[in-house]
Amino acid sequence: MKVKIIFYSMFGHVYKMAEAMAQGVREVEGAEVELLQVPELVPDAVLEKSGAKKSRDTFKHIPVAKVSDLADADAIIFGTPTRFGNMCAQMRNFLDQTGGLWAKNALVGKVGSVFTSSATQHGGQETTITSFHTTLLHYGMVIVGLPYTEQRQTTIGEMTGGSPYGASTIAGGDGSRMPSENELAMARFQGRHVATIAKKLAGSN
């Protein structure tokens, strides 16, 4: 049973959440997980000037996703930073190339799930995930979120991401805040939950 985590990360926040998702997937017996990143669209000179080039070097070992990578997965977890309340351009560009898979109904019945990161606590995390779900519904995927059985999302003792739509993290305006243990725990839970649902749907539970 294959779970693929396909993400875009500029400063490493989404990548760290993706790693936690993968840890959760591995807790489910029989689940295999693969991390893939979508292609970069920003010129190297711009990445260098913003400081993102150095951050991206920390996960340059992660293979670049191809559209065909989606077809053989039982579940796909997508990770994207928030851009004005929506997914980033890199992820949108990647998804916009999947028309061939859509035409063949290649993703119908697969499990889909989403996580995100934003600069501020109210920076569009929920709209990013729920608007992403629209694409997954067009694919015919079965959407899995982060149920309230994972109570960490309801904590009021600290600033934290997380909602019933999916795990999330808050990067801070300057990107200096990395995912907290609370946020990473929610990501691990979501990865485990997605793999568990996918395993049941595959009939191998």
C-alpha atoms as a PDB file:
ATOM      1  CA  MET A   1       0.000   0.000   0.000  1.00  0.00           C
ATOM      2  CA  LYS A   2       1.706   3.164  -1.266  1.00  0.00           C
ATOM      3  CA  VAL A   3       1.393   6.643   0.204  1.00  0.00           C
ATOM      4  CA  LYS A   4       3.074   9.541  -1.568  1.00  0.00           C
ATOM      5  CA  ILE A   5       3.691  12.917   0.025  1.00  0.00           C
ATOM      6  CA  ILE A   6       4.007  15.589  -2.644  1.00  0.00           C
ATOM      7  CA  PHE A   7       4.972  19.027  -1.407  1.00  0.00           C
ATOM      8  CA  TYR A   8       6.446  22.406  -2.197  1.00  0.00           C
ATOM      9  CA  SER A   9       8.572  24.157   0.392  1.00  0.00           C
ATOM     10  CA  MET A  10      10.535  27.380   0.084  1.00  0.00           C
ATOM     11  CA  PHE A  11      12.065  27.863   3.537  1.00  0.00           C
ATOM     12  CA  GLY A  12      11.701  24.329   4.909  1.00  0.00           C
ATOM     13  CA  HIS A  13       8.531  24.597   6.988  1.00  0.00           C
ATOM     14  CA  VAL A  14       6.386  22.418   4.716  1.00  0.00           C
ATOM     15  CA  TYR A  15       9.277  19.995   4.296  1.00  0.00           C
ATOM     16  CA  LYS A  16       9.548  19.475   8.059  1.00  0.00           C
ATOM     17  CA  MET A  17       5.806  18.850   8.215  1.00  0.00           C
ATOM     18  CA  ALA A  18       6.133  16.409   5.300  1.00  0.00           C
ATOM     19  CA  GLU A  19       8.789  14.472   7.196  1.00  0.00           C
ATOM     20  CA  ALA A  20       6.457  14.227  10.192  1.00  0.00           C
ATOM     21  CA  MET A  21       3.640  13.038   7.910  1.00  0.00           C
ATOM     22  CA  ALA A  22       5.959  10.322   6.617  1.00  0.00           C
ATOM     23  CA  GLN A  23       6.764   9.225  10.170  1.00  0.00           C
ATOM     24  CA  GLY A  24       3.055   8.791  10.826  1.00  0.00           C
ATOM     25  CA  VAL A  25       2.549   6.792   7.639  1.00  0.00           C
ATOM     26  CA  ARG A  26       5.374   4.419   8.617  1.00  0.00           C
ATOM     27  CA  GLU A  27       3.547   3.573  11.840  1.00  0.00           C
ATOM     28  CA  VAL A  28       0.894   1.728   9.800  1.00  0.00           C
ATOM     29  CA  GLU A  29       1.832  -1.861   9.021  1.00  0.00           C
ATOM     30  CA  GLY A  30       2.232  -2.515   5.312  1.00  0.00           C
ATOM     31  CA  ALA A  31       2.400   1.165   4.357  1.00  0.00           C
ATOM     32  CA  GLU A  32       5.201   2.427   2.130  1.00  0.00           C
ATOM     33  CA  VAL A  33       5.839   6.158   1.903  1.00  0.00           C
ATOM     34  CA  GLU A  34       7.700   8.296  -0.617  1.00  0.00           C
ATOM     35  CA  LEU A  35       8.428  12.032  -0.399  1.00  0.00           C
ATOM     36  CA  LEU A  36       8.468  14.044  -3.617  1.00  0.00           C
ATOM     37  CA  GLN A  37       8.705  17.781  -4.255  1.00  0.00           C
ATOM     38  CA  VAL A  38       7.093  19.632  -7.138  1.00  0.00           C
ATOM     39  CA  PRO A  39       9.366  21.550  -9.533  1.00  0.00           C
ATOM     40  CA  GLU A  40      10.530  25.039  -8.627  1.00  0.00           C
ATOM     41  CA  LEU A  41       9.380  27.942 -10.801  1.00  0.00           C
ATOM     42  CA  VAL A  42      11.278  30.793  -9.128  1.00  0.00           C
ATOM     43  CA  PRO A  43      14.618  31.720 -10.780  1.00  0.00           C
ATOM     44  CA  ASP A  44      17.744  30.834  -8.815  1.00  0.00           C
ATOM     45  CA  ALA A  45      18.752  34.485  -8.576  1.00  0.00           C
ATOM     46  CA  VAL A  46      15.515  35.350  -6.813  1.00  0.00           C
ATOM     47  CA  LEU A  47      15.802  32.345  -4.476  1.00  0.00           C
ATOM     48  CA  GLU A  48      19.370  33.392  -3.643  1.00  0.00           C
ATOM     49  CA  LYS A  49      18.365  36.971  -2.883  1.00  0.00           C
ATOM     50  CA  SER A  50      15.500  35.894  -0.611  1.00  0.00           C
ATOM     51  CA  GLY A  51      17.584  33.363   1.300  1.00  0.00           C
ATOM     52  CA  ALA A  52      15.401  30.500   0.079  1.00  0.00           C
ATOM     53  CA  LYS A  53      18.191  28.891  -1.961  1.00  0.00           C
ATOM     54  CA  LYS A  54      20.116  27.960   1.186  1.00  0.00           C
ATOM     55  CA  SER A  55      16.949  26.644   2.861  1.00  0.00           C
ATOM     56  CA  ARG A  56      16.008  24.576  -0.180  1.00  0.00           C
ATOM     57  CA  ASP A  57      19.475  23.012  -0.246  1.00  0.00           C
ATOM     58  CA  THR A  58      18.580  21.137   2.954  1.00  0.00           C
ATOM     59  CA  PHE A  59      16.031  19.019   1.082  1.00  0.00           C
ATOM     60  CA  LYS A  60      17.515  18.978  -2.415  1.00  0.00           C
ATOM     61  CA  HIS A  61      17.925  15.199  -2.032  1.00  0.00           C
ATOM     62  CA  ILE A  62      14.145  14.775  -2.291  1.00  0.00           C
ATOM     63  CA  PRO A  63      13.256  13.693  -5.861  1.00  0.00           C
ATOM     64  CA  VAL A  64      11.222  15.991  -8.075  1.00  0.00           C
ATOM     65  CA  ALA A  65       7.710  14.699  -8.689  1.00  0.00           C
ATOM     66  CA  LYS A  66       6.403  13.755 -12.103  1.00  0.00           C
ATOM     67  CA  VAL A  67       2.690  13.695 -12.926  1.00  0.00           C
ATOM     68  CA  SER A  68       2.953   9.950 -13.504  1.00  0.00           C
ATOM     69  CA  ASP A  69       3.970   9.517  -9.838  1.00  0.00           C
ATOM     70  CA  LEU A  70       0.343  10.063  -8.824  1.00  0.00           C
ATOM     71  CA  ALA A  71      -1.054   7.105 -10.713  1.00  0.00           C
ATOM     72  CA  ASP A  72       0.353   4.212  -8.670  1.00  0.00           C
ATOM     73  CA  ALA A  73      -0.281   5.673  -5.210  1.00  0.00           C
ATOM     74  CA  ASP A  74      -3.091   4.455  -2.963  1.00  0.00           C
ATOM     75  CA  ALA A  75      -3.028   7.767  -1.084  1.00  0.00           C
ATOM     76  CA  ILE A  76      -1.496  11.159  -1.808  1.00  0.00           C
ATOM     77  CA  ILE A  77      -0.813  13.795   0.840  1.00  0.00           C
ATOM     78  CA  PHE A  78      -0.181  17.247  -0.600  1.00  0.00           C
ATOM     79  CA  GLY A  79       1.735  19.950   1.236  1.00  0.00           C
ATOM     80  CA  THR A  80       1.798  23.588   0.155  1.00  0.00           C
ATOM     81  CA  PRO A  81       2.545  26.961   1.706  1.00  0.00           C
ATOM     82  CA  THR A  82      -0.258  29.489   1.651  1.00  0.00           C
ATOM     83  CA  ARG A  83      -0.193  32.188  -1.003  1.00  0.00           C
ATOM     84  CA  PHE A  84      -2.941  34.744  -0.361  1.00  0.00           C
ATOM     85  CA  GLY A  85      -5.273  32.049   0.966  1.00  0.00           C
ATOM     86  CA  ASN A  86      -4.552  29.572  -1.815  1.00  0.00           C
ATOM     87  CA  MET A  87      -1.976  26.959  -2.766  1.00  0.00           C
ATOM     88  CA  CYS A  88       1.349  28.202  -4.125  1.00  0.00           C
ATOM     89  CA  ALA A  89       1.950  28.630  -7.874  1.00  0.00           C
ATOM     90  CA  GLN A  90       4.405  25.729  -7.970  1.00  0.00           C
ATOM     91  CA  MET A  91       1.754  23.295  -6.718  1.00  0.00           C
ATOM     92  CA  ARG A  92      -0.954  24.753  -8.961  1.00  0.00           C
ATOM     93  CA  ASN A  93       1.327  24.437 -11.978  1.00  0.00           C
ATOM     94  CA  PHE A  94       2.001  20.793 -11.144  1.00  0.00           C
ATOM     95  CA  LEU A  95      -1.682  19.964 -10.688  1.00  0.00           C
ATOM     96  CA  ASP A  96      -2.613  21.763 -13.891  1.00  0.00           C
ATOM     97  CA  GLN A  97      -0.562  19.172 -15.784  1.00  0.00           C
ATOM     98  CA  THR A  98      -2.668  16.245 -14.554  1.00  0.00           C
ATOM     99  CA  GLY A  99      -5.415  16.516 -17.168  1.00  0.00           C
ATOM    100  CA  GLY A 100      -4.354  13.239 -18.730  1.00  0.00           C
ATOM    101  CA  LEU A 101      -4.778  11.381 -15.456  1.00  0.00           C
ATOM    102  CA  TRP A 102      -8.136  13.082 -14.905  1.00  0.00           C
ATOM    103  CA  ALA A 103      -9.327  12.062 -18.379  1.00  0.00           C
ATOM    104  CA  LYS A 104      -8.481   8.437 -17.616  1.00  0.00           C
ATOM    105  CA  ASN A 105     -10.103   8.540 -14.137  1.00  0.00           C
ATOM    106  CA  ALA A 106      -6.718   7.447 -12.823  1.00  0.00           C
ATOM    107  CA  LEU A 107      -7.139   9.087  -9.418  1.00  0.00           C
ATOM    108  CA  VAL A 108     -10.743   8.120  -8.690  1.00  0.00           C
ATOM    109  CA  GLY A 109     -11.067   6.385  -5.327  1.00  0.00           C
ATOM    110  CA  LYS A 110      -7.582   7.243  -4.089  1.00  0.00           C
ATOM    111  CA  VAL A 111      -7.235   8.943  -0.712  1.00  0.00           C
ATOM    112  CA  GLY A 112      -6.236  12.620  -0.820  1.00  0.00           C
ATOM    113  CA  SER A 113      -5.200  14.868   2.052  1.00  0.00           C
ATOM    114  CA  VAL A 114      -3.643  18.332   2.441  1.00  0.00           C
ATOM    115  CA  PHE A 115      -1.457  20.247   4.905  1.00  0.00           C
ATOM    116  CA  THR A 116      -0.090  23.771   4.787  1.00  0.00           C
ATOM    117  CA  SER A 117       1.974  26.592   6.267  1.00  0.00           C
ATOM    118  CA  SER A 118       1.368  30.331   6.503  1.00  0.00           C
ATOM    119  CA  ALA A 119       3.306  33.327   7.777  1.00  0.00           C
ATOM    120  CA  THR A 120       0.662  34.374  10.294  1.00  0.00           C
ATOM    121  CA  GLN A 121      -1.801  32.640  12.575  1.00  0.00           C
ATOM    122  CA  HIS A 122      -4.766  33.734  10.473  1.00  0.00           C
ATOM    123  CA  GLY A 123      -3.007  33.787   7.115  1.00  0.00           C
ATOM    124  CA  GLY A 124      -5.394  31.646   5.092  1.00  0.00           C
ATOM    125  CA  GLN A 125      -4.507  28.157   6.263  1.00  0.00           C
ATOM    126  CA  GLU A 126      -8.080  26.875   6.187  1.00  0.00           C
ATOM    127  CA  THR A 127      -8.945  28.434   2.824  1.00  0.00           C
ATOM    128  CA  THR A 128      -5.762  27.022   1.321  1.00  0.00           C
ATOM    129  CA  ILE A 129      -6.689  23.490   2.369  1.00  0.00           C
ATOM    130  CA  THR A 130     -10.395  23.678   1.535  1.00  0.00           C
ATOM    131  CA  SER A 131      -9.774  25.284  -1.863  1.00  0.00           C
ATOM    132  CA  PHE A 132      -7.213  22.541  -2.559  1.00  0.00           C
ATOM    133  CA  HIS A 133      -9.952  20.018  -1.816  1.00  0.00           C
ATOM    134  CA  THR A 134     -11.868  21.270  -4.853  1.00  0.00           C
ATOM    135  CA  THR A 135      -9.169  19.888  -7.139  1.00  0.00           C
ATOM    136  CA  LEU A 136      -9.148  16.570  -5.277  1.00  0.00           C
ATOM    137  CA  LEU A 137     -12.911  16.280  -5.682  1.00  0.00           C
ATOM    138  CA  HIS A 138     -12.565  16.838  -9.426  1.00  0.00           C
ATOM    139  CA  TYR A 139     -10.100  13.950  -9.414  1.00  0.00           C
ATOM    140  CA  GLY A 140     -12.668  11.784  -7.624  1.00  0.00           C
ATOM    141  CA  MET A 141     -10.453  11.308  -4.592  1.00  0.00           C
ATOM    142  CA  VAL A 142     -11.628  10.437  -1.089  1.00  0.00           C
ATOM    143  CA  ILE A 143     -10.666  13.387   1.123  1.00  0.00           C
ATOM    144  CA  VAL A 144      -9.262  12.744   4.582  1.00  0.00           C
ATOM    145  CA  GLY A 145      -8.668  15.555   7.064  1.00  0.00           C
ATOM    146  CA  LEU A 146      -7.568  15.803  10.681  1.00  0.00           C
ATOM    147  CA  PRO A 147     -10.454  14.670  12.907  1.00  0.00           C
ATOM    148  CA  TYR A 148     -11.050  16.039  16.379  1.00  0.00           C
ATOM    149  CA  THR A 149      -9.930  12.717  17.838  1.00  0.00           C
ATOM    150  CA  GLU A 150      -6.540  14.453  17.561  1.00  0.00           C
ATOM    151  CA  GLN A 151      -7.210  17.036  20.240  1.00  0.00           C
ATOM    152  CA  ARG A 152      -3.961  18.957  19.826  1.00  0.00           C
ATOM    153  CA  GLN A 153      -5.636  21.268  17.333  1.00  0.00           C
ATOM    154  CA  THR A 154      -8.008  22.544  20.011  1.00  0.00           C
ATOM    155  CA  THR A 155      -5.312  23.690  22.432  1.00  0.00           C
ATOM    156  CA  ILE A 156      -5.441  27.313  23.549  1.00  0.00           C
ATOM    157  CA  GLY A 157      -2.275  27.127  25.619  1.00  0.00           C
ATOM    158  CA  GLU A 158      -0.016  28.102  22.733  1.00  0.00           C
ATOM    159  CA  MET A 159      -0.074  29.590  19.258  1.00  0.00           C
ATOM    160  CA  THR A 160      -0.451  26.648  16.898  1.00  0.00           C
ATOM    161  CA  GLY A 161      -1.672  25.569  13.503  1.00  0.00           C
ATOM    162  CA  GLY A 162      -4.068  22.701  12.886  1.00  0.00           C
ATOM    163  CA  SER A 163      -7.738  22.421  11.992  1.00  0.00           C
ATOM    164  CA  PRO A 164     -10.181  19.637  11.073  1.00  0.00           C
ATOM    165  CA  TYR A 165      -9.138  20.242   7.449  1.00  0.00           C
ATOM    166  CA  GLY A 166      -5.500  19.324   8.014  1.00  0.00           C
ATOM    167  CA  ALA A 167      -2.276  19.931   9.875  1.00  0.00           C
ATOM    168  CA  SER A 168      -0.561  23.281   9.476  1.00  0.00           C
ATOM    169  CA  THR A 169       2.232  25.394  10.860  1.00  0.00           C
ATOM    170  CA  ILE A 170       2.875  29.103  11.360  1.00  0.00           C
ATOM    171  CA  ALA A 171       6.183  30.331   9.974  1.00  0.00           C
ATOM    172  CA  GLY A 172       6.184  33.884  11.299  1.00  0.00           C
ATOM    173  CA  GLY A 173       6.518  36.995   9.176  1.00  0.00           C
ATOM    174  CA  ASP A 174      10.250  36.489   8.710  1.00  0.00           C
ATOM    175  CA  GLY A 175      10.053  32.694   8.431  1.00  0.00           C
ATOM    176  CA  SER A 176      12.036  32.174  11.625  1.00  0.00           C
ATOM    177  CA  ARG A 177       9.440  30.043  13.436  1.00  0.00           C
ATOM    178  CA  MET A 178       9.793  26.356  12.606  1.00  0.00           C
ATOM    179  CA  PRO A 179       7.002  23.811  13.245  1.00  0.00           C
ATOM    180  CA  SER A 180       6.374  23.239  16.942  1.00  0.00           C
ATOM    181  CA  GLU A 181       6.180  19.796  18.494  1.00  0.00           C
ATOM    182  CA  ASN A 182       2.420  20.251  18.714  1.00  0.00           C
ATOM    183  CA  GLU A 183       2.199  20.914  14.966  1.00  0.00           C
ATOM    184  CA  LEU A 184       4.544  18.042  14.110  1.00  0.00           C
ATOM    185  CA  ALA A 185       2.458  15.710  16.273  1.00  0.00           C
ATOM    186  CA  MET A 186      -0.650  16.669  14.301  1.00  0.00           C
ATOM    187  CA  ALA A 187       1.221  15.985  11.063  1.00  0.00           C
ATOM    188  CA  ARG A 188       2.265  12.543  12.316  1.00  0.00           C
ATOM    189  CA  PHE A 189      -1.324  11.824  13.300  1.00  0.00           C
ATOM    190  CA  GLN A 190      -2.608  12.900   9.882  1.00  0.00           C
ATOM    191  CA  GLY A 191      -0.059  10.719   8.091  1.00  0.00           C
ATOM    192  CA  ARG A 192      -1.028   7.732  10.205  1.00  0.00           C
ATOM    193  CA  HIS A 193      -4.739   8.452   9.725  1.00  0.00           C
ATOM    194  CA  VAL A 194      -4.433   8.738   5.943  1.00  0.00           C
ATOM    195  CA  ALA A 195      -2.482   5.489   5.725  1.00  0.00           C
ATOM    196  CA  THR A 196      -5.014   3.713   7.940  1.00  0.00           C
ATOM    197  CA  ILE A 197      -7.947   4.844   5.782  1.00  0.00           C
ATOM    198  CA  ALA A 198      -6.106   3.960   2.565  1.00  0.00           C
ATOM    199  CA  LYS A 199      -5.317   0.513   3.941  1.00  0.00           C
ATOM    200  CA  LYS A 200      -8.978  -0.095   4.751  1.00  0.00           C
ATOM    201  CA  LEU A 201     -10.078   1.049   1.310  1.00  0.00           C
ATOM    202  CA  ALA A 202      -7.470  -1.204  -0.277  1.00  0.00           C
ATOM    203  CA  GLY A 203      -9.005  -4.122   1.594  1.00  0.00           C
ATOM    204  CA  SER A 204      -5.738  -5.080   3.275  1.00  0.00           C
ATOM    205  CA  ASN A 205      -6.647  -4.272   6.877  1.00  0.00           C
END
